[in-house]
Amino acid sequence: MNPPCLPHGSVYTSCYCEENIYLLCQTFLDDQTLKDSWEIFGVFISNEHKTKAARIERGPIVWDYHVILVLRQRTPNATNQRLGSSEPRGWVYDFDTLLPTPCPWQGELSPMDIACFHKFRVISGEDFIQNFASDRSHMLIDVGVHDAFEGEIEQRNSIYSSPPPAYAPICGPSALERSITNNLMENFVSMVDKGVECRYGMVLDRDEVDSFFREE
């Protein structure tokens, strides 16, 4: 079964992958025909040290985390099962990749993957939409304003390290009911599951997530 194309006019803001994927997930969840054939997942990629390697046009870089959306076929094609076809079951939607979008889930490990020991927080689309909240404070950096005569820092201002989206910060319905305005880092990016309540989805290593999205 062929996956749906990336919807025309999908919202994208550089450096705000979690919000880009949230909005895409919302679009897919609104399509009942799509939901009948595909399971929808938000996938946060990081590790205990909050580093995630990636390769873009300028070469390898390391981010503290990245977020993608994965569709998993609900019922593998019976003909493919009978013939032992290797048709992919999982399809990746990533606004920041050089690969076509969507592309089939790939299980091969690159040297960068091995170096960073990736972990994956896999969250159902419904839980992601309901519970995610970000006030974008993780994108703020302090900038000192220097006194022109003394050369000393006169005051500190916070600015965004990358321009934020024009729309309001995202707060899912369930998060809003609980007065939660920001749980991005603690409940979604964090890959350490001990001692903190209300984390969502399941944390998988590379082999486990590969099995989850590729096995028939």
N, C-alpha and C. Protein backbone atom coordinates (compact mmCIF):
# COMPACT_ATOMS: atom_id res chain seq x y z
N MET A 1 0.84 -1.20 0.00
CA MET A 1 0.00 0.00 0.00
C MET A 1 0.87 1.25 0.00
N ASN A 2 0.58 2.17 -0.87
CA ASN A 2 1.34 3.41 -0.93
C ASN A 2 0.89 4.38 0.16
N PRO A 3 1.83 5.02 0.83
CA PRO A 3 1.46 5.98 1.87
C PRO A 3 0.96 7.28 1.26
N PRO A 4 0.23 8.09 2.02
CA PRO A 4 -0.22 9.38 1.50
C PRO A 4 0.95 10.33 1.29
N CYS A 5 0.81 11.21 0.33
CA CYS A 5 1.84 12.23 0.10
C CYS A 5 1.82 13.25 1.24
N LEU A 6 2.92 13.97 1.37
CA LEU A 6 2.95 15.08 2.30
C LEU A 6 1.90 16.09 1.85
N PRO A 7 0.98 16.47 2.73
CA PRO A 7 -0.10 17.37 2.31
C PRO A 7 0.42 18.69 1.76
N HIS A 8 -0.21 19.14 0.70
CA HIS A 8 0.17 20.42 0.11
C HIS A 8 -0.07 21.55 1.11
N GLY A 9 0.91 22.44 1.21
CA GLY A 9 0.77 23.58 2.12
C GLY A 9 1.06 23.25 3.56
N SER A 10 1.72 22.12 3.84
CA SER A 10 2.06 21.78 5.23
C SER A 10 2.91 22.88 5.85
N VAL A 11 2.59 23.21 7.09
CA VAL A 11 3.30 24.30 7.79
C VAL A 11 4.69 23.83 8.19
N TYR A 12 5.69 24.64 7.91
CA TYR A 12 7.07 24.32 8.29
C TYR A 12 7.76 25.57 8.82
N THR A 13 8.39 25.43 9.99
CA THR A 13 9.23 26.48 10.56
C THR A 13 10.57 25.87 10.91
N SER A 14 11.64 26.40 10.38
CA SER A 14 12.97 25.87 10.65
C SER A 14 13.27 25.88 12.14
N CYS A 15 13.83 24.76 12.63
CA CYS A 15 14.27 24.60 14.03
C CYS A 15 13.12 24.34 15.01
N TYR A 16 11.91 24.16 14.50
CA TYR A 16 10.77 23.84 15.37
C TYR A 16 10.14 22.53 14.89
N CYS A 17 10.96 21.48 14.85
CA CYS A 17 10.51 20.20 14.29
C CYS A 17 9.32 19.63 15.04
N GLU A 18 9.30 19.79 16.38
CA GLU A 18 8.20 19.23 17.16
C GLU A 18 6.86 19.86 16.78
N GLU A 19 6.87 21.15 16.47
CA GLU A 19 5.63 21.82 16.09
C GLU A 19 5.23 21.48 14.66
N ASN A 20 6.22 21.38 13.78
CA ASN A 20 5.92 20.97 12.40
C ASN A 20 5.24 19.60 12.37
N ILE A 21 5.78 18.67 13.16
CA ILE A 21 5.24 17.31 13.18
C ILE A 21 3.89 17.28 13.89
N TYR A 22 3.73 18.08 14.93
CA TYR A 22 2.43 18.16 15.62
C TYR A 22 1.33 18.56 14.64
N LEU A 23 1.59 19.58 13.85
CA LEU A 23 0.58 20.07 12.90
C LEU A 23 0.31 19.06 11.79
N LEU A 24 1.36 18.36 11.34
CA LEU A 24 1.17 17.31 10.35
C LEU A 24 0.35 16.17 10.93
N CYS A 25 0.65 15.79 12.16
CA CYS A 25 -0.09 14.74 12.84
C CYS A 25 -1.57 15.12 12.96
N GLN A 26 -1.82 16.36 13.28
CA GLN A 26 -3.19 16.86 13.38
C GLN A 26 -3.93 16.71 12.05
N THR A 27 -3.24 17.06 10.97
CA THR A 27 -3.83 16.95 9.63
C THR A 27 -4.18 15.50 9.30
N PHE A 28 -3.26 14.58 9.59
CA PHE A 28 -3.50 13.17 9.30
C PHE A 28 -4.64 12.60 10.16
N LEU A 29 -4.70 13.03 11.43
CA LEU A 29 -5.75 12.52 12.31
C LEU A 29 -7.14 13.00 11.88
N ASP A 30 -7.19 14.09 11.17
CA ASP A 30 -8.48 14.60 10.68
C ASP A 30 -8.98 13.85 9.45
N ASP A 31 -8.15 12.95 8.91
CA ASP A 31 -8.49 12.20 7.70
C ASP A 31 -8.89 10.77 8.10
N GLN A 32 -10.19 10.52 8.18
CA GLN A 32 -10.67 9.22 8.64
C GLN A 32 -10.25 8.09 7.71
N THR A 33 -10.24 8.33 6.42
CA THR A 33 -9.82 7.30 5.46
C THR A 33 -8.38 6.89 5.71
N LEU A 34 -7.53 7.87 5.97
CA LEU A 34 -6.13 7.58 6.29
C LEU A 34 -6.04 6.77 7.57
N LYS A 35 -6.78 7.18 8.59
CA LYS A 35 -6.71 6.48 9.89
C LYS A 35 -7.20 5.04 9.79
N ASP A 36 -8.10 4.76 8.86
CA ASP A 36 -8.60 3.40 8.70
C ASP A 36 -7.49 2.45 8.23
N SER A 37 -6.51 2.99 7.52
CA SER A 37 -5.45 2.15 6.94
C SER A 37 -4.11 2.27 7.64
N TRP A 38 -3.91 3.38 8.36
CA TRP A 38 -2.59 3.65 8.94
C TRP A 38 -2.68 4.04 10.41
N GLU A 39 -1.71 3.57 11.20
CA GLU A 39 -1.51 4.08 12.55
C GLU A 39 -0.55 5.26 12.46
N ILE A 40 -0.78 6.26 13.28
CA ILE A 40 0.00 7.50 13.22
C ILE A 40 0.80 7.65 14.51
N PHE A 41 2.10 7.91 14.37
CA PHE A 41 2.97 8.04 15.53
C PHE A 41 3.86 9.28 15.42
N GLY A 42 4.00 9.98 16.53
CA GLY A 42 5.06 10.98 16.65
C GLY A 42 6.26 10.29 17.27
N VAL A 43 7.45 10.55 16.73
CA VAL A 43 8.66 9.88 17.22
C VAL A 43 9.71 10.93 17.56
N PHE A 44 10.07 10.99 18.85
CA PHE A 44 11.13 11.88 19.33
C PHE A 44 12.42 11.09 19.38
N ILE A 45 13.47 11.63 18.79
CA ILE A 45 14.76 10.93 18.69
C ILE A 45 15.80 11.70 19.49
N SER A 46 16.40 11.04 20.46
CA SER A 46 17.43 11.67 21.28
C SER A 46 18.16 10.57 22.04
N ASN A 47 18.71 10.88 23.20
CA ASN A 47 19.27 9.89 24.11
C ASN A 47 19.37 10.51 25.49
N GLU A 48 19.99 9.80 26.43
CA GLU A 48 20.07 10.31 27.79
C GLU A 48 20.84 11.63 27.87
N HIS A 49 21.71 11.86 26.87
CA HIS A 49 22.52 13.08 26.87
C HIS A 49 21.90 14.16 26.00
N LYS A 50 20.71 13.88 25.44
CA LYS A 50 20.01 14.82 24.55
C LYS A 50 20.86 15.24 23.36
N THR A 51 21.42 14.24 22.66
CA THR A 51 22.14 14.51 21.41
C THR A 51 21.60 13.59 20.34
N LYS A 52 21.47 14.11 19.13
CA LYS A 52 20.95 13.35 18.00
C LYS A 52 21.73 13.75 16.76
N ALA A 53 22.44 12.79 16.16
CA ALA A 53 23.20 13.09 14.95
C ALA A 53 22.29 13.12 13.74
N ALA A 54 22.63 13.95 12.78
CA ALA A 54 21.87 14.02 11.54
C ALA A 54 22.80 14.47 10.43
N ARG A 55 22.39 14.16 9.21
CA ARG A 55 23.17 14.59 8.06
C ARG A 55 22.30 15.47 7.18
N ILE A 56 22.73 16.71 6.99
CA ILE A 56 22.03 17.63 6.12
C ILE A 56 22.97 18.06 5.02
N GLU A 57 22.53 18.98 4.19
CA GLU A 57 23.30 19.34 3.00
C GLU A 57 24.69 19.87 3.35
N ARG A 58 24.80 20.56 4.48
CA ARG A 58 26.09 21.14 4.86
C ARG A 58 27.02 20.11 5.48
N GLY A 59 26.52 18.90 5.73
CA GLY A 59 27.33 17.86 6.33
C GLY A 59 26.74 17.41 7.66
N PRO A 60 27.44 16.52 8.41
CA PRO A 60 26.92 16.01 9.68
C PRO A 60 26.78 17.12 10.72
N ILE A 61 25.68 17.07 11.48
CA ILE A 61 25.49 17.97 12.60
C ILE A 61 24.95 17.15 13.77
N VAL A 62 24.96 17.74 14.96
CA VAL A 62 24.40 17.09 16.14
C VAL A 62 23.37 18.02 16.76
N TRP A 63 22.13 17.55 16.86
CA TRP A 63 21.07 18.29 17.52
C TRP A 63 20.83 17.67 18.89
N ASP A 64 20.12 18.41 19.77
CA ASP A 64 19.78 17.82 21.06
C ASP A 64 18.63 16.82 20.92
N TYR A 65 17.80 17.00 19.90
CA TYR A 65 16.73 16.04 19.62
C TYR A 65 16.18 16.32 18.23
N HIS A 66 15.38 15.39 17.73
CA HIS A 66 14.68 15.60 16.47
C HIS A 66 13.34 14.89 16.57
N VAL A 67 12.37 15.32 15.76
CA VAL A 67 11.03 14.74 15.79
C VAL A 67 10.60 14.42 14.36
N ILE A 68 10.06 13.22 14.18
CA ILE A 68 9.53 12.80 12.89
C ILE A 68 8.14 12.22 13.11
N LEU A 69 7.41 12.03 12.02
CA LEU A 69 6.14 11.32 12.07
C LEU A 69 6.30 10.02 11.29
N VAL A 70 5.73 8.95 11.81
CA VAL A 70 5.78 7.66 11.12
C VAL A 70 4.36 7.10 11.00
N LEU A 71 4.02 6.69 9.79
CA LEU A 71 2.78 5.95 9.56
C LEU A 71 3.10 4.46 9.49
N ARG A 72 2.32 3.65 10.20
CA ARG A 72 2.50 2.20 10.14
C ARG A 72 1.22 1.58 9.61
N GLN A 73 1.37 0.77 8.57
CA GLN A 73 0.21 0.13 7.95
C GLN A 73 -0.50 -0.77 8.96
N ARG A 74 -1.80 -0.61 9.09
CA ARG A 74 -2.56 -1.38 10.08
C ARG A 74 -2.63 -2.86 9.74
N THR A 75 -2.93 -3.19 8.48
CA THR A 75 -3.06 -4.59 8.06
C THR A 75 -2.15 -4.82 6.87
N PRO A 76 -1.01 -5.48 7.08
CA PRO A 76 -0.11 -5.74 5.95
C PRO A 76 -0.83 -6.46 4.83
N ASN A 77 -0.47 -6.12 3.61
CA ASN A 77 -1.08 -6.71 2.42
C ASN A 77 -0.95 -8.23 2.45
N ALA A 78 -2.09 -8.94 2.31
CA ALA A 78 -2.10 -10.41 2.40
C ALA A 78 -1.24 -11.04 1.31
N THR A 79 -1.26 -10.46 0.12
CA THR A 79 -0.46 -11.00 -0.98
C THR A 79 1.02 -10.89 -0.66
N ASN A 80 1.42 -9.75 -0.12
CA ASN A 80 2.82 -9.56 0.24
C ASN A 80 3.25 -10.54 1.32
N GLN A 81 2.36 -10.79 2.30
CA GLN A 81 2.69 -11.74 3.35
C GLN A 81 2.88 -13.14 2.77
N ARG A 82 1.98 -13.55 1.85
CA ARG A 82 2.04 -14.88 1.28
C ARG A 82 3.30 -15.07 0.43
N LEU A 83 3.67 -14.01 -0.29
CA LEU A 83 4.83 -14.10 -1.17
C LEU A 83 6.14 -13.72 -0.47
N GLY A 84 6.03 -13.33 0.80
CA GLY A 84 7.23 -12.95 1.52
C GLY A 84 7.81 -11.63 1.05
N SER A 85 6.96 -10.74 0.55
CA SER A 85 7.43 -9.44 0.06
C SER A 85 7.99 -8.60 1.19
N SER A 86 8.98 -7.78 0.87
CA SER A 86 9.60 -6.91 1.86
C SER A 86 9.06 -5.49 1.78
N GLU A 87 7.84 -5.33 1.25
CA GLU A 87 7.24 -4.00 1.17
C GLU A 87 7.22 -3.37 2.55
N PRO A 88 7.70 -2.13 2.69
CA PRO A 88 7.80 -1.51 4.02
C PRO A 88 6.43 -1.30 4.65
N ARG A 89 6.39 -1.46 5.96
CA ARG A 89 5.14 -1.23 6.70
C ARG A 89 5.13 0.18 7.30
N GLY A 90 6.31 0.71 7.61
CA GLY A 90 6.42 2.03 8.20
C GLY A 90 6.95 3.05 7.21
N TRP A 91 6.39 4.25 7.25
CA TRP A 91 6.81 5.33 6.36
C TRP A 91 7.08 6.59 7.17
N VAL A 92 8.21 7.23 6.88
CA VAL A 92 8.70 8.36 7.67
C VAL A 92 8.39 9.69 6.97
N TYR A 93 7.90 10.63 7.76
CA TYR A 93 7.70 12.01 7.30
C TYR A 93 8.62 12.90 8.11
N ASP A 94 9.57 13.53 7.42
CA ASP A 94 10.58 14.35 8.08
C ASP A 94 10.82 15.59 7.23
N PHE A 95 10.50 16.74 7.77
CA PHE A 95 10.64 17.98 7.01
C PHE A 95 12.10 18.39 6.81
N ASP A 96 13.02 17.80 7.58
CA ASP A 96 14.41 18.26 7.56
C ASP A 96 15.39 17.29 6.92
N THR A 97 14.88 16.27 6.26
CA THR A 97 15.76 15.29 5.64
C THR A 97 16.04 15.65 4.19
N LEU A 98 17.14 15.09 3.66
CA LEU A 98 17.44 15.22 2.24
C LEU A 98 16.75 14.13 1.43
N LEU A 99 16.21 13.13 2.12
CA LEU A 99 15.53 12.02 1.45
C LEU A 99 14.12 12.45 1.03
N PRO A 100 13.53 11.72 0.10
CA PRO A 100 12.13 12.02 -0.26
C PRO A 100 11.22 11.82 0.95
N THR A 101 10.15 12.59 1.00
CA THR A 101 9.16 12.45 2.08
C THR A 101 7.79 12.18 1.48
N PRO A 102 7.16 11.03 1.86
CA PRO A 102 7.64 10.07 2.85
C PRO A 102 8.68 9.12 2.27
N CYS A 103 9.45 8.52 3.17
CA CYS A 103 10.39 7.48 2.75
C CYS A 103 10.19 6.27 3.65
N PRO A 104 10.49 5.06 3.17
CA PRO A 104 10.29 3.87 3.99
C PRO A 104 11.19 3.87 5.21
N TRP A 105 10.68 3.30 6.30
CA TRP A 105 11.49 3.17 7.51
C TRP A 105 12.71 2.32 7.19
N GLN A 106 13.88 2.82 7.54
CA GLN A 106 15.13 2.11 7.28
C GLN A 106 15.77 1.70 8.59
N GLY A 107 16.23 0.47 8.67
CA GLY A 107 16.81 -0.02 9.91
C GLY A 107 18.32 0.00 9.96
N GLU A 108 18.97 0.40 8.85
CA GLU A 108 20.42 0.36 8.82
C GLU A 108 21.01 1.42 9.75
N LEU A 109 22.10 1.07 10.41
CA LEU A 109 22.78 2.00 11.31
C LEU A 109 23.93 2.68 10.59
N SER A 110 23.99 3.99 10.72
CA SER A 110 25.13 4.73 10.19
C SER A 110 26.15 4.93 11.30
N PRO A 111 27.41 5.29 10.97
CA PRO A 111 28.40 5.58 12.02
C PRO A 111 27.92 6.64 13.00
N MET A 112 27.18 7.64 12.51
CA MET A 112 26.67 8.68 13.40
C MET A 112 25.65 8.12 14.38
N ASP A 113 24.80 7.21 13.90
CA ASP A 113 23.82 6.58 14.78
C ASP A 113 24.50 5.84 15.91
N ILE A 114 25.52 5.07 15.56
CA ILE A 114 26.23 4.27 16.55
C ILE A 114 26.90 5.17 17.57
N ALA A 115 27.48 6.27 17.10
CA ALA A 115 28.19 7.18 17.99
C ALA A 115 27.25 7.82 19.00
N CYS A 116 26.02 8.10 18.60
CA CYS A 116 25.10 8.82 19.47
C CYS A 116 24.14 7.92 20.24
N PHE A 117 24.14 6.62 19.99
CA PHE A 117 23.29 5.69 20.71
C PHE A 117 21.85 6.20 20.79
N HIS A 118 21.23 6.36 19.66
CA HIS A 118 19.89 6.92 19.61
C HIS A 118 18.88 6.10 20.41
N LYS A 119 17.94 6.83 21.02
CA LYS A 119 16.73 6.23 21.55
C LYS A 119 15.54 6.94 20.94
N PHE A 120 14.40 6.28 20.99
CA PHE A 120 13.22 6.76 20.29
C PHE A 120 12.01 6.73 21.21
N ARG A 121 11.39 7.86 21.43
CA ARG A 121 10.13 7.89 22.17
C ARG A 121 9.00 7.85 21.14
N VAL A 122 8.29 6.75 21.10
CA VAL A 122 7.23 6.53 20.12
C VAL A 122 5.88 6.78 20.80
N ILE A 123 5.12 7.73 20.26
CA ILE A 123 3.88 8.17 20.88
C ILE A 123 2.75 8.09 19.85
N SER A 124 1.63 7.54 20.25
CA SER A 124 0.50 7.51 19.32
C SER A 124 0.11 8.93 18.95
N GLY A 125 -0.36 9.09 17.72
CA GLY A 125 -0.74 10.42 17.27
C GLY A 125 -1.76 11.08 18.18
N GLU A 126 -2.73 10.30 18.66
CA GLU A 126 -3.77 10.86 19.53
C GLU A 126 -3.18 11.39 20.84
N ASP A 127 -2.29 10.62 21.47
CA ASP A 127 -1.67 11.07 22.73
C ASP A 127 -0.80 12.30 22.50
N PHE A 128 -0.08 12.32 21.40
CA PHE A 128 0.76 13.47 21.06
C PHE A 128 -0.09 14.74 20.96
N ILE A 129 -1.15 14.68 20.18
CA ILE A 129 -2.00 15.86 19.96
C ILE A 129 -2.66 16.31 21.26
N GLN A 130 -3.09 15.38 22.07
CA GLN A 130 -3.80 15.73 23.30
C GLN A 130 -2.89 16.33 24.37
N ASN A 131 -1.67 15.83 24.49
CA ASN A 131 -0.87 16.10 25.68
C ASN A 131 0.34 16.99 25.48
N PHE A 132 0.74 17.24 24.26
CA PHE A 132 1.95 18.03 24.01
C PHE A 132 1.71 19.51 24.30
N ALA A 133 2.73 20.15 24.88
CA ALA A 133 2.68 21.60 25.11
C ALA A 133 4.10 22.16 25.06
N SER A 134 4.24 23.28 24.40
CA SER A 134 5.55 23.95 24.35
C SER A 134 5.35 25.46 24.36
N ASP A 135 6.03 26.13 25.30
CA ASP A 135 6.00 27.59 25.33
C ASP A 135 7.20 28.20 24.59
N ARG A 136 8.01 27.31 23.96
CA ARG A 136 9.16 27.71 23.15
C ARG A 136 10.30 28.31 23.97
N SER A 137 10.26 28.14 25.27
CA SER A 137 11.31 28.72 26.12
C SER A 137 12.67 28.06 25.87
N HIS A 138 12.66 26.82 25.35
CA HIS A 138 13.92 26.14 25.06
C HIS A 138 14.68 26.81 23.92
N MET A 139 14.01 27.67 23.18
CA MET A 139 14.65 28.37 22.06
C MET A 139 15.15 29.76 22.43
N LEU A 140 14.97 30.15 23.69
CA LEU A 140 15.41 31.47 24.13
C LEU A 140 16.87 31.42 24.59
N ILE A 141 17.63 32.42 24.23
CA ILE A 141 19.01 32.55 24.69
C ILE A 141 19.19 33.94 25.28
N ASP A 142 20.05 34.02 26.30
CA ASP A 142 20.33 35.31 26.94
C ASP A 142 21.39 36.06 26.16
N VAL A 143 21.14 37.32 25.93
CA VAL A 143 22.09 38.18 25.23
C VAL A 143 22.37 39.39 26.10
N GLY A 144 23.64 39.63 26.37
CA GLY A 144 24.02 40.78 27.18
C GLY A 144 24.06 42.06 26.37
N VAL A 145 23.52 43.14 26.94
CA VAL A 145 23.59 44.46 26.31
C VAL A 145 24.71 45.23 26.99
N HIS A 146 25.74 45.62 26.23
CA HIS A 146 26.92 46.26 26.81
C HIS A 146 26.76 47.77 26.92
N ASP A 147 27.29 48.30 28.00
CA ASP A 147 27.36 49.75 28.16
C ASP A 147 28.36 50.31 27.17
N ALA A 148 27.97 51.30 26.40
CA ALA A 148 28.82 51.83 25.33
C ALA A 148 30.10 52.45 25.85
N PHE A 149 30.09 52.95 27.09
CA PHE A 149 31.26 53.63 27.62
C PHE A 149 32.10 52.73 28.52
N GLU A 150 31.44 51.97 29.37
CA GLU A 150 32.16 51.13 30.32
C GLU A 150 32.55 49.78 29.73
N GLY A 151 31.84 49.34 28.69
CA GLY A 151 32.14 48.04 28.09
C GLY A 151 31.63 46.88 28.91
N GLU A 152 30.84 47.17 29.93
CA GLU A 152 30.31 46.12 30.78
C GLU A 152 28.87 45.79 30.37
N ILE A 153 28.44 44.59 30.77
CA ILE A 153 27.07 44.19 30.46
C ILE A 153 26.10 45.00 31.32
N GLU A 154 25.25 45.74 30.66
CA GLU A 154 24.29 46.61 31.34
C GLU A 154 23.03 45.86 31.71
N GLN A 155 22.57 44.98 30.83
CA GLN A 155 21.39 44.18 31.08
C GLN A 155 21.41 42.96 30.17
N ARG A 156 20.57 42.00 30.51
CA ARG A 156 20.47 40.80 29.68
C ARG A 156 19.06 40.70 29.11
N ASN A 157 19.00 40.43 27.83
CA ASN A 157 17.72 40.22 27.16
C ASN A 157 17.66 38.80 26.61
N SER A 158 16.47 38.27 26.50
CA SER A 158 16.28 36.95 25.90
C SER A 158 15.76 37.11 24.48
N ILE A 159 16.40 36.40 23.56
CA ILE A 159 15.95 36.40 22.17
C ILE A 159 15.85 34.96 21.70
N TYR A 160 15.08 34.73 20.65
CA TYR A 160 14.96 33.39 20.10
C TYR A 160 16.19 33.07 19.25
N SER A 161 16.71 31.87 19.44
CA SER A 161 17.86 31.44 18.65
C SER A 161 17.49 31.23 17.19
N SER A 162 16.21 31.03 16.92
CA SER A 162 15.68 30.96 15.56
C SER A 162 14.27 31.53 15.60
N PRO A 163 13.86 32.31 14.60
CA PRO A 163 12.54 32.96 14.65
C PRO A 163 11.42 31.96 14.88
N PRO A 164 10.53 32.24 15.84
CA PRO A 164 9.44 31.30 16.14
C PRO A 164 8.33 31.37 15.10
N PRO A 165 7.46 30.36 15.07
CA PRO A 165 6.31 30.40 14.16
C PRO A 165 5.42 31.60 14.46
N ALA A 166 4.66 32.01 13.46
CA ALA A 166 3.78 33.17 13.62
C ALA A 166 2.55 32.84 14.46
N TYR A 167 2.16 31.57 14.50
CA TYR A 167 0.98 31.18 15.27
C TYR A 167 1.33 31.05 16.75
N ALA A 168 0.31 30.97 17.60
CA ALA A 168 0.51 30.89 19.04
C ALA A 168 1.19 29.57 19.44
N PRO A 169 1.91 29.54 20.57
CA PRO A 169 2.50 28.29 21.05
C PRO A 169 1.45 27.20 21.18
N ILE A 170 1.88 25.97 20.94
CA ILE A 170 0.96 24.83 20.94
C ILE A 170 0.72 24.32 22.35
N CYS A 171 -0.54 24.05 22.65
CA CYS A 171 -0.91 23.42 23.92
C CYS A 171 -2.09 22.50 23.64
N GLY A 172 -1.85 21.19 23.74
CA GLY A 172 -2.89 20.20 23.45
C GLY A 172 -4.06 20.31 24.40
N PRO A 173 -5.24 19.83 24.00
CA PRO A 173 -6.45 19.94 24.83
C PRO A 173 -6.30 19.38 26.24
N SER A 174 -5.70 18.19 26.38
CA SER A 174 -5.54 17.60 27.71
C SER A 174 -4.52 18.37 28.54
N ALA A 175 -3.45 18.84 27.90
CA ALA A 175 -2.47 19.67 28.60
C ALA A 175 -3.11 20.95 29.09
N LEU A 176 -3.94 21.56 28.26
CA LEU A 176 -4.62 22.80 28.63
C LEU A 176 -5.54 22.59 29.83
N GLU A 177 -6.25 21.47 29.85
CA GLU A 177 -7.13 21.16 30.98
C GLU A 177 -6.36 21.06 32.28
N ARG A 178 -5.11 20.61 32.21
CA ARG A 178 -4.29 20.45 33.41
C ARG A 178 -3.38 21.66 33.65
N SER A 179 -3.62 22.73 32.90
CA SER A 179 -2.84 23.98 33.04
C SER A 179 -1.36 23.76 32.79
N ILE A 180 -1.04 22.84 31.88
CA ILE A 180 0.35 22.60 31.49
C ILE A 180 0.64 23.42 30.24
N THR A 181 1.67 24.25 30.31
CA THR A 181 2.03 25.08 29.15
C THR A 181 3.34 24.66 28.51
N ASN A 182 4.10 23.81 29.20
CA ASN A 182 5.38 23.38 28.63
C ASN A 182 5.80 22.04 29.21
N ASN A 183 5.82 20.99 28.39
CA ASN A 183 6.29 19.69 28.85
C ASN A 183 7.19 19.03 27.80
N LEU A 184 7.67 19.81 26.85
CA LEU A 184 8.45 19.28 25.74
C LEU A 184 9.66 18.49 26.20
N MET A 185 10.53 19.13 26.97
CA MET A 185 11.79 18.49 27.33
C MET A 185 11.60 17.37 28.35
N GLU A 186 10.81 17.63 29.39
CA GLU A 186 10.69 16.67 30.48
C GLU A 186 9.89 15.43 30.09
N ASN A 187 8.83 15.61 29.33
CA ASN A 187 7.93 14.49 29.06
C ASN A 187 8.06 13.87 27.68
N PHE A 188 8.71 14.56 26.75
CA PHE A 188 8.79 14.05 25.38
C PHE A 188 10.23 13.82 24.92
N VAL A 189 11.09 14.81 25.10
CA VAL A 189 12.48 14.66 24.65
C VAL A 189 13.28 13.76 25.58
N SER A 190 13.01 13.82 26.87
CA SER A 190 13.75 13.00 27.83
C SER A 190 13.60 11.52 27.50
N MET A 191 14.72 10.81 27.56
CA MET A 191 14.71 9.37 27.29
C MET A 191 14.98 8.56 28.56
N VAL A 192 14.93 9.21 29.71
CA VAL A 192 15.10 8.53 30.99
C VAL A 192 13.73 8.41 31.62
N ASP A 193 13.23 7.19 31.78
CA ASP A 193 11.84 6.99 32.20
C ASP A 193 11.65 6.80 33.69
N LYS A 194 12.72 6.82 34.47
CA LYS A 194 12.59 6.56 35.90
C LYS A 194 12.35 7.86 36.67
N GLY A 195 11.39 7.83 37.59
CA GLY A 195 11.24 8.92 38.54
C GLY A 195 10.39 10.08 38.08
N VAL A 196 9.89 10.07 36.86
CA VAL A 196 9.06 11.17 36.40
C VAL A 196 7.75 10.61 35.87
N GLU A 197 6.64 11.13 36.38
CA GLU A 197 5.33 10.68 35.94
C GLU A 197 4.90 11.42 34.68
N CYS A 198 3.88 10.88 34.04
CA CYS A 198 3.22 11.53 32.89
C CYS A 198 4.11 11.66 31.67
N ARG A 199 5.09 10.79 31.52
CA ARG A 199 5.77 10.74 30.23
C ARG A 199 4.92 9.91 29.30
N TYR A 200 5.02 10.18 28.03
CA TYR A 200 4.09 9.59 27.08
C TYR A 200 4.79 8.64 26.13
N GLY A 201 4.03 7.65 25.64
CA GLY A 201 4.58 6.70 24.68
C GLY A 201 5.52 5.71 25.33
N MET A 202 6.41 5.17 24.52
CA MET A 202 7.37 4.18 25.00
C MET A 202 8.74 4.50 24.44
N VAL A 203 9.78 4.30 25.25
CA VAL A 203 11.15 4.56 24.83
C VAL A 203 11.76 3.26 24.32
N LEU A 204 12.23 3.28 23.08
CA LEU A 204 12.79 2.09 22.44
C LEU A 204 14.21 2.35 21.98
N ASP A 205 15.03 1.29 21.98
CA ASP A 205 16.36 1.43 21.39
C ASP A 205 16.24 1.20 19.88
N ARG A 206 17.39 1.21 19.19
CA ARG A 206 17.34 1.15 17.73
C ARG A 206 16.75 -0.17 17.23
N ASP A 207 17.14 -1.28 17.83
CA ASP A 207 16.61 -2.58 17.39
C ASP A 207 15.11 -2.69 17.65
N GLU A 208 14.68 -2.19 18.81
CA GLU A 208 13.27 -2.30 19.17
C GLU A 208 12.39 -1.44 18.26
N VAL A 209 12.85 -0.23 17.98
CA VAL A 209 12.03 0.64 17.13
C VAL A 209 12.02 0.12 15.69
N ASP A 210 13.12 -0.49 15.28
CA ASP A 210 13.18 -1.08 13.95
C ASP A 210 12.16 -2.20 13.82
N SER A 211 12.08 -3.05 14.83
CA SER A 211 11.09 -4.13 14.82
C SER A 211 9.67 -3.58 14.84
N PHE A 212 9.46 -2.53 15.59
CA PHE A 212 8.12 -1.95 15.74
C PHE A 212 7.58 -1.43 14.41
N PHE A 213 8.45 -0.83 13.62
CA PHE A 213 7.99 -0.21 12.38
C PHE A 213 8.22 -1.05 11.13
N ARG A 214 8.93 -2.17 11.26
CA ARG A 214 9.22 -2.95 10.06
C ARG A 214 8.58 -4.33 10.06
N GLU A 215 8.33 -4.89 11.25
CA GLU A 215 7.80 -6.26 11.29
C GLU A 215 6.37 -6.31 10.79
N GLU A 216 6.06 -7.40 10.10
CA GLU A 216 4.69 -7.63 9.60
C GLU A 216 3.83 -8.20 10.72
